[in-house]
Amino acid sequence: MRIRDAVPEDATAAWEVVRRSIAELCVADHHNDPAGTMAGQQDARIIQIMGIT
């Protein structure tokens, strides 16, 4: 395993990991409601959260 600092090009893949983990592991919380899974969020918000600007 190689660990490195994130770069802007990682944002889409990182967001996919977050989105899928919520969609697949938090069904009891969001009851498969797409709005509850944050599916409508844009990558720009995740980039901001991750501090990749």
N, C-alpha and C. Protein backbone atom coordinates (compact mmCIF):
# COMPACT_ATOMS: atom_id res chain seq x y z
N MET A 1 0.85 -1.16 0.00
CA MET A 1 0.00 0.00 0.00
C MET A 1 0.90 1.23 0.00
N ARG A 2 0.53 2.19 -0.82
CA ARG A 2 1.26 3.45 -0.89
C ARG A 2 0.37 4.57 -0.38
N ILE A 3 0.85 5.34 0.56
CA ILE A 3 0.08 6.46 1.12
C ILE A 3 0.74 7.75 0.65
N ARG A 4 -0.09 8.67 0.17
CA ARG A 4 0.41 9.96 -0.31
C ARG A 4 -0.64 11.01 -0.04
N ASP A 5 -0.24 12.25 -0.14
CA ASP A 5 -1.19 13.36 -0.02
C ASP A 5 -2.13 13.34 -1.21
N ALA A 6 -3.36 13.75 -0.97
CA ALA A 6 -4.34 13.83 -2.05
C ALA A 6 -3.99 14.98 -2.98
N VAL A 7 -4.39 14.82 -4.22
CA VAL A 7 -4.24 15.85 -5.24
C VAL A 7 -5.62 16.11 -5.85
N PRO A 8 -5.80 17.24 -6.51
CA PRO A 8 -7.12 17.55 -7.07
C PRO A 8 -7.71 16.44 -7.93
N GLU A 9 -6.88 15.71 -8.62
CA GLU A 9 -7.37 14.64 -9.50
C GLU A 9 -8.00 13.49 -8.70
N ASP A 10 -7.77 13.43 -7.40
CA ASP A 10 -8.33 12.39 -6.55
C ASP A 10 -9.76 12.69 -6.10
N ALA A 11 -10.22 13.91 -6.29
CA ALA A 11 -11.50 14.34 -5.73
C ALA A 11 -12.67 13.48 -6.19
N THR A 12 -12.75 13.17 -7.47
CA THR A 12 -13.88 12.38 -7.97
C THR A 12 -13.90 10.99 -7.35
N ALA A 13 -12.76 10.33 -7.30
CA ALA A 13 -12.69 8.99 -6.71
C ALA A 13 -12.98 9.04 -5.21
N ALA A 14 -12.48 10.07 -4.53
CA ALA A 14 -12.74 10.20 -3.10
C ALA A 14 -14.23 10.40 -2.83
N TRP A 15 -14.87 11.23 -3.64
CA TRP A 15 -16.30 11.45 -3.49
C TRP A 15 -17.08 10.16 -3.74
N GLU A 16 -16.65 9.37 -4.72
CA GLU A 16 -17.33 8.10 -5.00
C GLU A 16 -17.24 7.16 -3.80
N VAL A 17 -16.11 7.13 -3.14
CA VAL A 17 -15.96 6.31 -1.93
C VAL A 17 -16.92 6.77 -0.84
N VAL A 18 -16.99 8.08 -0.63
CA VAL A 18 -17.90 8.62 0.38
C VAL A 18 -19.33 8.31 0.02
N ARG A 19 -19.71 8.57 -1.23
CA ARG A 19 -21.09 8.34 -1.68
C ARG A 19 -21.49 6.89 -1.54
N ARG A 20 -20.62 5.98 -1.99
CA ARG A 20 -20.94 4.56 -1.92
C ARG A 20 -20.99 4.06 -0.49
N SER A 21 -20.11 4.54 0.37
CA SER A 21 -20.14 4.08 1.75
C SER A 21 -21.45 4.50 2.43
N ILE A 22 -21.90 5.72 2.15
CA ILE A 22 -23.18 6.16 2.72
C ILE A 22 -24.33 5.35 2.13
N ALA A 23 -24.33 5.18 0.81
CA ALA A 23 -25.42 4.46 0.14
C ALA A 23 -25.50 3.01 0.60
N GLU A 24 -24.35 2.37 0.79
CA GLU A 24 -24.33 0.94 1.08
C GLU A 24 -24.33 0.60 2.57
N LEU A 25 -23.81 1.47 3.40
CA LEU A 25 -23.64 1.12 4.81
C LEU A 25 -24.60 1.83 5.75
N CYS A 26 -25.31 2.82 5.25
CA CYS A 26 -26.18 3.62 6.12
C CYS A 26 -27.65 3.52 5.73
N VAL A 27 -28.06 2.39 5.18
CA VAL A 27 -29.44 2.22 4.72
C VAL A 27 -30.42 2.43 5.87
N ALA A 28 -30.07 2.00 7.07
CA ALA A 28 -30.98 2.17 8.21
C ALA A 28 -31.23 3.65 8.49
N ASP A 29 -30.29 4.50 8.14
CA ASP A 29 -30.44 5.94 8.37
C ASP A 29 -31.22 6.63 7.26
N HIS A 30 -30.90 6.32 5.99
CA HIS A 30 -31.51 7.06 4.87
C HIS A 30 -32.59 6.28 4.15
N HIS A 31 -32.80 5.01 4.48
CA HIS A 31 -33.88 4.19 3.91
C HIS A 31 -33.91 4.21 2.39
N ASN A 32 -32.73 4.19 1.77
CA ASN A 32 -32.57 4.19 0.31
C ASN A 32 -33.19 5.41 -0.37
N ASP A 33 -33.36 6.49 0.38
CA ASP A 33 -33.84 7.74 -0.20
C ASP A 33 -32.64 8.47 -0.79
N PRO A 34 -32.59 8.68 -2.12
CA PRO A 34 -31.43 9.33 -2.74
C PRO A 34 -31.07 10.67 -2.11
N ALA A 35 -32.07 11.42 -1.67
CA ALA A 35 -31.78 12.70 -1.02
C ALA A 35 -31.01 12.49 0.27
N GLY A 36 -31.28 11.39 0.95
CA GLY A 36 -30.60 11.09 2.19
C GLY A 36 -29.19 10.58 2.00
N THR A 37 -28.86 10.14 0.80
CA THR A 37 -27.53 9.63 0.54
C THR A 37 -26.59 10.69 0.01
N MET A 38 -27.05 11.93 -0.09
CA MET A 38 -26.25 13.03 -0.61
C MET A 38 -25.90 12.85 -2.08
N ALA A 39 -26.68 12.05 -2.79
CA ALA A 39 -26.39 11.76 -4.20
C ALA A 39 -26.41 13.02 -5.05
N GLY A 40 -27.14 14.02 -4.64
CA GLY A 40 -27.23 15.23 -5.44
C GLY A 40 -26.12 16.22 -5.22
N GLN A 41 -25.22 15.95 -4.29
CA GLN A 41 -24.13 16.89 -4.01
C GLN A 41 -23.16 16.94 -5.18
N GLN A 42 -22.51 18.07 -5.35
CA GLN A 42 -21.55 18.25 -6.44
C GLN A 42 -20.14 17.99 -5.93
N ASP A 43 -19.26 17.56 -6.83
CA ASP A 43 -17.87 17.31 -6.47
C ASP A 43 -17.21 18.55 -5.88
N ALA A 44 -17.64 19.73 -6.27
CA ALA A 44 -17.02 20.97 -5.77
C ALA A 44 -17.11 21.05 -4.25
N ARG A 45 -18.21 20.61 -3.69
CA ARG A 45 -18.38 20.65 -2.23
C ARG A 45 -17.38 19.70 -1.57
N ILE A 46 -17.19 18.53 -2.13
CA ILE A 46 -16.25 17.57 -1.56
C ILE A 46 -14.83 18.09 -1.67
N ILE A 47 -14.52 18.72 -2.79
CA ILE A 47 -13.19 19.31 -2.95
C ILE A 47 -12.97 20.33 -1.84
N GLN A 48 -13.97 21.12 -1.57
CA GLN A 48 -13.86 22.12 -0.51
C GLN A 48 -13.66 21.46 0.85
N ILE A 49 -14.43 20.43 1.14
CA ILE A 49 -14.32 19.73 2.41
C ILE A 49 -12.93 19.10 2.56
N MET A 50 -12.45 18.51 1.48
CA MET A 50 -11.17 17.84 1.51
C MET A 50 -10.00 18.82 1.54
N GLY A 51 -10.27 20.09 1.29
CA GLY A 51 -9.22 21.09 1.28
C GLY A 51 -8.33 21.01 0.04
N ILE A 52 -8.87 20.45 -1.03
CA ILE A 52 -8.12 20.37 -2.29
C ILE A 52 -8.58 21.51 -3.18
N THR A 53 -7.88 22.60 -3.14
CA THR A 53 -8.28 23.74 -3.96
C THR A 53 -7.12 24.21 -4.79
